[in-house]
Amino acid sequence: MRISEVSRHSGVPASTLRCCERIGLIASDRERNGPRDYDAQVLERLAFVGTAKQLDLSLPEIAALLDVVESDTCTQVRESFRPRIAARLREVDARLYALQRLPTRLDAASRSADQCPDSGTQCRSECVLLRSDACDPARPDRSGIRR
């Protein structure tokens, strides 16, 4: 299949196909300066890549999983996949926790900005925005340690 056919069947833009080929996620047969020619397996690989991207896996993680999927047993694939997904889940939980706290921190920062003194001099330690506790109401001291 030519790149336009793969793009049409997979819904993946040609530029993305070229990028996937450049980093080794897919391959084509190509003579010097000739058109790329992909085999039918490329659609399956692209579906795998698309699903893995929906799980927010990085391209190196996807490439490693593709290697496992294409060379190992289902048991080995599962054992390779599980820790990667568990790690991503921990990262997502940490990001969600930080995002859930963000509105409170933004509100505290806004209130702190209202307390900044009017001054024609360079902002110094009296500016509440420069204090480490200014944006976190749960940190009343400057040490950065939650009490």
C-alpha atoms as a PDB file:
ATOM      1  CA  MET A   1       0.000   0.000   0.000  1.00  0.00           C
ATOM      2  CA  ARG A   2       1.124   3.527  -0.726  1.00  0.00           C
ATOM      3  CA  ILE A   3       1.308   6.150   1.997  1.00  0.00           C
ATOM      4  CA  SER A   4      -1.961   7.770   0.867  1.00  0.00           C
ATOM      5  CA  GLU A   5      -3.794   4.431   1.144  1.00  0.00           C
ATOM      6  CA  VAL A   6      -2.389   3.736   4.606  1.00  0.00           C
ATOM      7  CA  SER A   7      -3.294   7.252   5.671  1.00  0.00           C
ATOM      8  CA  ARG A   8      -6.839   6.865   4.364  1.00  0.00           C
ATOM      9  CA  HIS A   9      -7.378   3.406   5.935  1.00  0.00           C
ATOM     10  CA  SER A  10      -5.780   4.254   9.275  1.00  0.00           C
ATOM     11  CA  GLY A  11      -6.897   7.853   9.619  1.00  0.00           C
ATOM     12  CA  VAL A  12      -3.284   8.777  10.386  1.00  0.00           C
ATOM     13  CA  PRO A  13      -1.857  11.758   8.487  1.00  0.00           C
ATOM     14  CA  ALA A  14       1.006  11.069   6.096  1.00  0.00           C
ATOM     15  CA  SER A  15       3.313  13.286   8.168  1.00  0.00           C
ATOM     16  CA  THR A  16       2.656  11.088  11.207  1.00  0.00           C
ATOM     17  CA  LEU A  17       3.309   7.971   9.152  1.00  0.00           C
ATOM     18  CA  ARG A  18       6.669   9.375   8.079  1.00  0.00           C
ATOM     19  CA  CYS A  19       7.475  10.224  11.706  1.00  0.00           C
ATOM     20  CA  CYS A  20       6.491   6.715  12.859  1.00  0.00           C
ATOM     21  CA  GLU A  21       8.739   5.285  10.178  1.00  0.00           C
ATOM     22  CA  ARG A  22      11.619   7.585  11.089  1.00  0.00           C
ATOM     23  CA  ILE A  23      11.541   6.441  14.733  1.00  0.00           C
ATOM     24  CA  GLY A  24      11.107   2.783  13.834  1.00  0.00           C
ATOM     25  CA  LEU A  25       7.490   2.120  14.799  1.00  0.00           C
ATOM     26  CA  ILE A  26       6.590   1.134  11.249  1.00  0.00           C
ATOM     27  CA  ALA A  27       8.616   0.224   8.189  1.00  0.00           C
ATOM     28  CA  SER A  28       8.179   0.516   4.443  1.00  0.00           C
ATOM     29  CA  ASP A  29       9.842  -0.903   1.396  1.00  0.00           C
ATOM     30  CA  ARG A  30      11.271   1.959  -0.537  1.00  0.00           C
ATOM     31  CA  GLU A  31      13.731   2.258  -3.333  1.00  0.00           C
ATOM     32  CA  ARG A  32      15.926   5.319  -3.408  1.00  0.00           C
ATOM     33  CA  ASN A  33      13.700   8.375  -3.946  1.00  0.00           C
ATOM     34  CA  GLY A  34      10.771   6.095  -4.715  1.00  0.00           C
ATOM     35  CA  PRO A  35       7.365   6.035  -3.071  1.00  0.00           C
ATOM     36  CA  ARG A  36       6.955   4.289   0.268  1.00  0.00           C
ATOM     37  CA  ASP A  37       5.254   0.915   0.047  1.00  0.00           C
ATOM     38  CA  TYR A  38       3.749  -0.522   3.242  1.00  0.00           C
ATOM     39  CA  ASP A  39       2.585  -4.066   3.864  1.00  0.00           C
ATOM     40  CA  ALA A  40      -0.794  -4.869   5.420  1.00  0.00           C
ATOM     41  CA  GLN A  41       0.809  -5.370   8.856  1.00  0.00           C
ATOM     42  CA  VAL A  42       1.424  -1.625   9.123  1.00  0.00           C
ATOM     43  CA  LEU A  43      -2.297  -1.009   9.733  1.00  0.00           C
ATOM     44  CA  GLU A  44      -2.220  -3.398  12.689  1.00  0.00           C
ATOM     45  CA  ARG A  45       0.883  -1.695  14.085  1.00  0.00           C
ATOM     46  CA  LEU A  46      -0.728   1.730  13.660  1.00  0.00           C
ATOM     47  CA  ALA A  47      -3.831   0.532  15.517  1.00  0.00           C
ATOM     48  CA  PHE A  48      -1.562  -0.680  18.337  1.00  0.00           C
ATOM     49  CA  VAL A  49       0.294   2.658  18.387  1.00  0.00           C
ATOM     50  CA  GLY A  50      -2.985   4.576  18.434  1.00  0.00           C
ATOM     51  CA  THR A  51      -4.341   2.567  21.354  1.00  0.00           C
ATOM     52  CA  ALA A  52      -1.060   2.914  23.244  1.00  0.00           C
ATOM     53  CA  LYS A  53      -1.071   6.691  22.658  1.00  0.00           C
ATOM     54  CA  GLN A  54      -4.611   6.834  24.100  1.00  0.00           C
ATOM     55  CA  LEU A  55      -3.074   5.276  27.243  1.00  0.00           C
ATOM     56  CA  ASP A  56      -0.550   8.159  27.195  1.00  0.00           C
ATOM     57  CA  LEU A  57       2.411   5.852  26.705  1.00  0.00           C
ATOM     58  CA  SER A  58       5.556   7.451  25.350  1.00  0.00           C
ATOM     59  CA  LEU A  59       6.904   6.534  21.925  1.00  0.00           C
ATOM     60  CA  PRO A  60       9.872   4.655  23.444  1.00  0.00           C
ATOM     61  CA  GLU A  61       7.439   2.685  25.653  1.00  0.00           C
ATOM     62  CA  ILE A  62       5.297   1.920  22.620  1.00  0.00           C
ATOM     63  CA  ALA A  63       8.318   0.755  20.633  1.00  0.00           C
ATOM     64  CA  ALA A  64       9.406  -1.512  23.496  1.00  0.00           C
ATOM     65  CA  LEU A  65       5.915  -2.979  23.787  1.00  0.00           C
ATOM     66  CA  LEU A  66       5.745  -3.555  20.037  1.00  0.00           C
ATOM     67  CA  ASP A  67       8.985  -5.515  20.262  1.00  0.00           C
ATOM     68  CA  VAL A  68       7.519  -7.668  23.034  1.00  0.00           C
ATOM     69  CA  VAL A  69       4.185  -8.153  21.240  1.00  0.00           C
ATOM     70  CA  GLU A  70       5.899  -9.250  18.038  1.00  0.00           C
ATOM     71  CA  SER A  71       8.401 -11.607  19.604  1.00  0.00           C
ATOM     72  CA  ASP A  72       7.026 -13.004  22.869  1.00  0.00           C
ATOM     73  CA  THR A  73       4.113 -14.997  24.225  1.00  0.00           C
ATOM     74  CA  CYS A  74       0.889 -13.512  25.549  1.00  0.00           C
ATOM     75  CA  THR A  75       2.116 -14.214  29.085  1.00  0.00           C
ATOM     76  CA  GLN A  76       5.320 -12.275  28.461  1.00  0.00           C
ATOM     77  CA  VAL A  77       3.386  -9.428  26.852  1.00  0.00           C
ATOM     78  CA  ARG A  78       1.074  -9.251  29.859  1.00  0.00           C
ATOM     79  CA  GLU A  79       4.006  -9.268  32.290  1.00  0.00           C
ATOM     80  CA  SER A  80       5.709  -6.487  30.356  1.00  0.00           C
ATOM     81  CA  PHE A  81       2.521  -4.463  29.970  1.00  0.00           C
ATOM     82  CA  ARG A  82       1.269  -4.582  33.577  1.00  0.00           C
ATOM     83  CA  PRO A  83       4.100  -2.632  35.251  1.00  0.00           C
ATOM     84  CA  ARG A  84       4.057   0.004  32.518  1.00  0.00           C
ATOM     85  CA  ILE A  85       0.339   0.575  32.979  1.00  0.00           C
ATOM     86  CA  ALA A  86       0.674   0.595  36.769  1.00  0.00           C
ATOM     87  CA  ALA A  87       3.420   3.231  36.494  1.00  0.00           C
ATOM     88  CA  ARG A  88       1.314   5.376  34.144  1.00  0.00           C
ATOM     89  CA  LEU A  89      -1.647   5.075  36.519  1.00  0.00           C
ATOM     90  CA  ARG A  90       0.507   6.333  39.417  1.00  0.00           C
ATOM     91  CA  GLU A  91       1.704   9.255  37.271  1.00  0.00           C
ATOM     92  CA  VAL A  92      -1.855  10.138  36.259  1.00  0.00           C
ATOM     93  CA  ASP A  93      -3.028   9.943  39.886  1.00  0.00           C
ATOM     94  CA  ALA A  94      -0.221  12.316  40.899  1.00  0.00           C
ATOM     95  CA  ARG A  95      -1.114  14.735  38.092  1.00  0.00           C
ATOM     96  CA  LEU A  96      -4.801  14.604  39.022  1.00  0.00           C
ATOM     97  CA  TYR A  97      -3.949  15.294  42.659  1.00  0.00           C
ATOM     98  CA  ALA A  98      -1.863  18.305  41.644  1.00  0.00           C
ATOM     99  CA  LEU A  99      -4.601  19.561  39.318  1.00  0.00           C
ATOM    100  CA  GLN A 100      -7.240  19.152  42.014  1.00  0.00           C
ATOM    101  CA  ARG A 101      -5.167  21.356  44.332  1.00  0.00           C
ATOM    102  CA  LEU A 102      -4.452  23.947  41.631  1.00  0.00           C
ATOM    103  CA  PRO A 103      -7.675  26.009  41.959  1.00  0.00           C
ATOM    104  CA  THR A 104      -7.048  26.484  45.679  1.00  0.00           C
ATOM    105  CA  ARG A 105      -3.450  27.492  45.039  1.00  0.00           C
ATOM    106  CA  LEU A 106      -4.463  29.900  42.272  1.00  0.00           C
ATOM    107  CA  ASP A 107      -7.067  31.463  44.546  1.00  0.00           C
ATOM    108  CA  ALA A 108      -4.482  31.849  47.326  1.00  0.00           C
ATOM    109  CA  ALA A 109      -2.013  33.370  44.841  1.00  0.00           C
ATOM    110  CA  SER A 110      -4.654  35.825  43.688  1.00  0.00           C
ATOM    111  CA  ARG A 111      -5.375  36.880  47.280  1.00  0.00           C
ATOM    112  CA  SER A 112      -1.629  37.194  47.909  1.00  0.00           C
ATOM    113  CA  ALA A 113      -1.177  39.359  44.836  1.00  0.00           C
ATOM    114  CA  ASP A 114      -3.823  41.699  46.236  1.00  0.00           C
ATOM    115  CA  GLN A 115      -1.624  42.103  49.331  1.00  0.00           C
ATOM    116  CA  CYS A 116       1.517  43.097  47.401  1.00  0.00           C
ATOM    117  CA  PRO A 117       2.574  46.596  48.430  1.00  0.00           C
ATOM    118  CA  ASP A 118       2.501  49.495  46.006  1.00  0.00           C
ATOM    119  CA  SER A 119       6.141  50.321  45.487  1.00  0.00           C
ATOM    120  CA  GLY A 120       8.333  51.900  42.879  1.00  0.00           C
ATOM    121  CA  THR A 121      11.306  49.760  43.905  1.00  0.00           C
ATOM    122  CA  GLN A 122      12.334  46.279  42.887  1.00  0.00           C
ATOM    123  CA  CYS A 123      10.175  43.568  44.401  1.00  0.00           C
ATOM    124  CA  ARG A 124      11.845  42.044  47.463  1.00  0.00           C
ATOM    125  CA  SER A 125      10.979  39.715  50.297  1.00  0.00           C
ATOM    126  CA  GLU A 126       8.050  41.896  51.403  1.00  0.00           C
ATOM    127  CA  CYS A 127       6.242  40.767  48.246  1.00  0.00           C
ATOM    128  CA  VAL A 128       4.022  37.874  49.189  1.00  0.00           C
ATOM    129  CA  LEU A 129       4.403  36.319  45.726  1.00  0.00           C
ATOM    130  CA  LEU A 130       8.075  35.635  46.455  1.00  0.00           C
ATOM    131  CA  ARG A 131       7.323  33.686  49.622  1.00  0.00           C
ATOM    132  CA  SER A 132       7.145  29.911  49.276  1.00  0.00           C
ATOM    133  CA  ASP A 133       3.944  29.797  51.328  1.00  0.00           C
ATOM    134  CA  ALA A 134       2.140  32.466  49.327  1.00  0.00           C
ATOM    135  CA  CYS A 135       0.285  30.063  47.050  1.00  0.00           C
ATOM    136  CA  ASP A 136      -0.394  27.236  49.463  1.00  0.00           C
ATOM    137  CA  PRO A 137      -2.702  27.939  52.383  1.00  0.00           C
ATOM    138  CA  ALA A 138      -1.731  24.559  53.860  1.00  0.00           C
ATOM    139  CA  ARG A 139       1.867  25.820  54.253  1.00  0.00           C
ATOM    140  CA  PRO A 140       1.811  28.591  56.816  1.00  0.00           C
ATOM    141  CA  ASP A 141       5.583  28.773  57.199  1.00  0.00           C
ATOM    142  CA  ARG A 142       8.404  29.394  54.722  1.00  0.00           C
ATOM    143  CA  SER A 143      10.098  26.017  55.151  1.00  0.00           C
ATOM    144  CA  GLY A 144       7.975  24.360  52.477  1.00  0.00           C
ATOM    145  CA  ILE A 145       7.122  21.551  54.900  1.00  0.00           C
ATOM    146  CA  ARG A 146       3.430  20.852  55.293  1.00  0.00           C
ATOM    147  CA  ARG A 147       2.409  21.008  58.946  1.00  0.00           C
END
